[in-house]
Amino acid sequence: MSGSDIKSRRQTHEKQRAELEVVLASEVFRRAPGLVRTLTYLCEKYFQGDVAALNEYSIAVEGLGRKPDFEPHEDSIVRVNLRALRKRLP
């Protein structure tokens, strides 16, 4: 990857981060800290190029601060948050 490609990618991520901040500051997210954490975690993984590592467990433990013994079949927080995000995002 050339220097201009890296610079272009960096600028794109900076713009995307700025857009994320606008979304997170919107009325829709103002009183939804769990959704803010979820969306921020997902976007940061995307910015890092690490979307392949995303799964329900990693979102719960790394993104939402659940304990390492998190059991997705017993705690639906990730599914609930992702459904709520889909409803709130245009």
C-alpha atoms as a PDB file:
ATOM      1  CA  MET A   1       0.000   0.000   0.000  1.00  0.00           C
ATOM      2  CA  SER A   2       1.410   3.346  -1.008  1.00  0.00           C
ATOM      3  CA  GLY A   3       1.791   6.394   1.209  1.00  0.00           C
ATOM      4  CA  SER A   4      -1.106   8.141  -0.536  1.00  0.00           C
ATOM      5  CA  ASP A   5      -3.347   5.114   0.040  1.00  0.00           C
ATOM      6  CA  ILE A   6      -2.523   5.147   3.748  1.00  0.00           C
ATOM      7  CA  LYS A   7      -3.149   8.882   3.962  1.00  0.00           C
ATOM      8  CA  SER A   8      -6.460   8.512   2.122  1.00  0.00           C
ATOM      9  CA  ARG A   9      -7.552   5.666   4.410  1.00  0.00           C
ATOM     10  CA  ARG A  10      -6.603   7.704   7.494  1.00  0.00           C
ATOM     11  CA  GLN A  11      -8.604  10.675   6.228  1.00  0.00           C
ATOM     12  CA  THR A  12     -11.582   8.435   5.512  1.00  0.00           C
ATOM     13  CA  HIS A  13     -11.472   7.008   9.037  1.00  0.00           C
ATOM     14  CA  GLU A  14     -11.198  10.502  10.503  1.00  0.00           C
ATOM     15  CA  LYS A  15     -14.319  11.537   8.579  1.00  0.00           C
ATOM     16  CA  GLN A  16     -16.118   8.379   9.669  1.00  0.00           C
ATOM     17  CA  ARG A  17     -15.169   8.993  13.297  1.00  0.00           C
ATOM     18  CA  ALA A  18     -16.496  12.552  13.018  1.00  0.00           C
ATOM     19  CA  GLU A  19     -19.757  11.209  11.592  1.00  0.00           C
ATOM     20  CA  LEU A  20     -19.942   8.675  14.411  1.00  0.00           C
ATOM     21  CA  GLU A  21     -19.558  11.472  16.973  1.00  0.00           C
ATOM     22  CA  VAL A  22     -22.458  13.362  15.361  1.00  0.00           C
ATOM     23  CA  VAL A  23     -24.642  10.253  15.498  1.00  0.00           C
ATOM     24  CA  LEU A  24     -23.688   9.531  19.122  1.00  0.00           C
ATOM     25  CA  ALA A  25     -24.477  13.124  20.127  1.00  0.00           C
ATOM     26  CA  SER A  26     -27.923  12.989  18.521  1.00  0.00           C
ATOM     27  CA  GLU A  27     -31.137  12.943  20.528  1.00  0.00           C
ATOM     28  CA  VAL A  28     -31.662   9.311  19.558  1.00  0.00           C
ATOM     29  CA  PHE A  29     -28.583   8.222  21.519  1.00  0.00           C
ATOM     30  CA  ARG A  30     -28.512  10.827  24.255  1.00  0.00           C
ATOM     31  CA  ARG A  31     -30.255   8.571  26.790  1.00  0.00           C
ATOM     32  CA  ALA A  32     -29.005   5.215  25.541  1.00  0.00           C
ATOM     33  CA  PRO A  33     -25.511   4.580  26.940  1.00  0.00           C
ATOM     34  CA  GLY A  34     -25.621   0.863  26.143  1.00  0.00           C
ATOM     35  CA  LEU A  35     -26.315   1.594  22.507  1.00  0.00           C
ATOM     36  CA  VAL A  36     -23.561   4.202  22.451  1.00  0.00           C
ATOM     37  CA  ARG A  37     -21.083   1.632  23.808  1.00  0.00           C
ATOM     38  CA  THR A  38     -22.265  -0.988  21.317  1.00  0.00           C
ATOM     39  CA  LEU A  39     -22.068   1.275  18.274  1.00  0.00           C
ATOM     40  CA  THR A  40     -18.733   2.747  19.358  1.00  0.00           C
ATOM     41  CA  TYR A  41     -17.237  -0.719  19.837  1.00  0.00           C
ATOM     42  CA  LEU A  42     -18.483  -1.934  16.451  1.00  0.00           C
ATOM     43  CA  CYS A  43     -17.189   1.146  14.656  1.00  0.00           C
ATOM     44  CA  GLU A  44     -13.797   1.019  16.360  1.00  0.00           C
ATOM     45  CA  LYS A  45     -13.390  -2.611  15.299  1.00  0.00           C
ATOM     46  CA  TYR A  46     -14.258  -1.549  11.757  1.00  0.00           C
ATOM     47  CA  PHE A  47     -11.767   1.337  11.839  1.00  0.00           C
ATOM     48  CA  GLN A  48      -9.085  -1.076  13.063  1.00  0.00           C
ATOM     49  CA  GLY A  49      -9.876  -3.510  10.243  1.00  0.00           C
ATOM     50  CA  ASP A  50     -10.815  -6.163  12.775  1.00  0.00           C
ATOM     51  CA  VAL A  51     -14.440  -6.921  11.878  1.00  0.00           C
ATOM     52  CA  ALA A  52     -13.683 -10.612  11.414  1.00  0.00           C
ATOM     53  CA  ALA A  53     -13.174 -10.845  15.188  1.00  0.00           C
ATOM     54  CA  LEU A  54     -16.670  -9.541  15.942  1.00  0.00           C
ATOM     55  CA  ASN A  55     -19.037 -11.993  17.528  1.00  0.00           C
ATOM     56  CA  GLU A  56     -21.658 -11.938  20.241  1.00  0.00           C
ATOM     57  CA  TYR A  57     -19.186 -12.865  22.962  1.00  0.00           C
ATOM     58  CA  SER A  58     -16.582 -10.230  22.020  1.00  0.00           C
ATOM     59  CA  ILE A  59     -19.208  -7.507  21.767  1.00  0.00           C
ATOM     60  CA  ALA A  60     -20.549  -8.412  25.210  1.00  0.00           C
ATOM     61  CA  VAL A  61     -17.211  -8.771  26.982  1.00  0.00           C
ATOM     62  CA  GLU A  62     -15.033  -6.180  25.241  1.00  0.00           C
ATOM     63  CA  GLY A  63     -17.692  -3.725  24.134  1.00  0.00           C
ATOM     64  CA  LEU A  64     -20.235  -3.857  26.931  1.00  0.00           C
ATOM     65  CA  GLY A  65     -18.040  -4.853  29.843  1.00  0.00           C
ATOM     66  CA  ARG A  66     -19.679  -8.185  30.615  1.00  0.00           C
ATOM     67  CA  LYS A  67     -17.621 -10.660  32.623  1.00  0.00           C
ATOM     68  CA  PRO A  68     -15.505 -13.248  30.766  1.00  0.00           C
ATOM     69  CA  ASP A  69     -17.938 -15.979  31.800  1.00  0.00           C
ATOM     70  CA  PHE A  70     -20.650 -14.338  29.648  1.00  0.00           C
ATOM     71  CA  GLU A  71     -23.044 -16.880  28.162  1.00  0.00           C
ATOM     72  CA  PRO A  72     -24.898 -15.628  25.061  1.00  0.00           C
ATOM     73  CA  HIS A  73     -27.715 -18.149  25.470  1.00  0.00           C
ATOM     74  CA  GLU A  74     -28.397 -16.839  28.998  1.00  0.00           C
ATOM     75  CA  ASP A  75     -27.945 -13.095  28.387  1.00  0.00           C
ATOM     76  CA  SER A  76     -29.461 -11.517  25.283  1.00  0.00           C
ATOM     77  CA  ILE A  77     -27.948  -8.034  25.776  1.00  0.00           C
ATOM     78  CA  VAL A  78     -26.040  -8.074  22.493  1.00  0.00           C
ATOM     79  CA  ARG A  79     -29.043  -9.207  20.433  1.00  0.00           C
ATOM     80  CA  VAL A  80     -31.264  -6.660  22.174  1.00  0.00           C
ATOM     81  CA  ASN A  81     -28.786  -3.813  21.602  1.00  0.00           C
ATOM     82  CA  LEU A  82     -28.217  -4.710  17.951  1.00  0.00           C
ATOM     83  CA  ARG A  83     -31.966  -4.832  17.325  1.00  0.00           C
ATOM     84  CA  ALA A  84     -32.380  -1.433  18.988  1.00  0.00           C
ATOM     85  CA  LEU A  85     -29.506  -0.023  16.898  1.00  0.00           C
ATOM     86  CA  ARG A  86     -31.123  -1.252  13.688  1.00  0.00           C
ATOM     87  CA  LYS A  87     -34.376   0.464  14.694  1.00  0.00           C
ATOM     88  CA  ARG A  88     -32.696   3.775  15.566  1.00  0.00           C
ATOM     89  CA  LEU A  89     -30.261   4.101  12.685  1.00  0.00           C
ATOM     90  CA  PRO A  90     -31.709   5.321   9.376  1.00  0.00           C
END
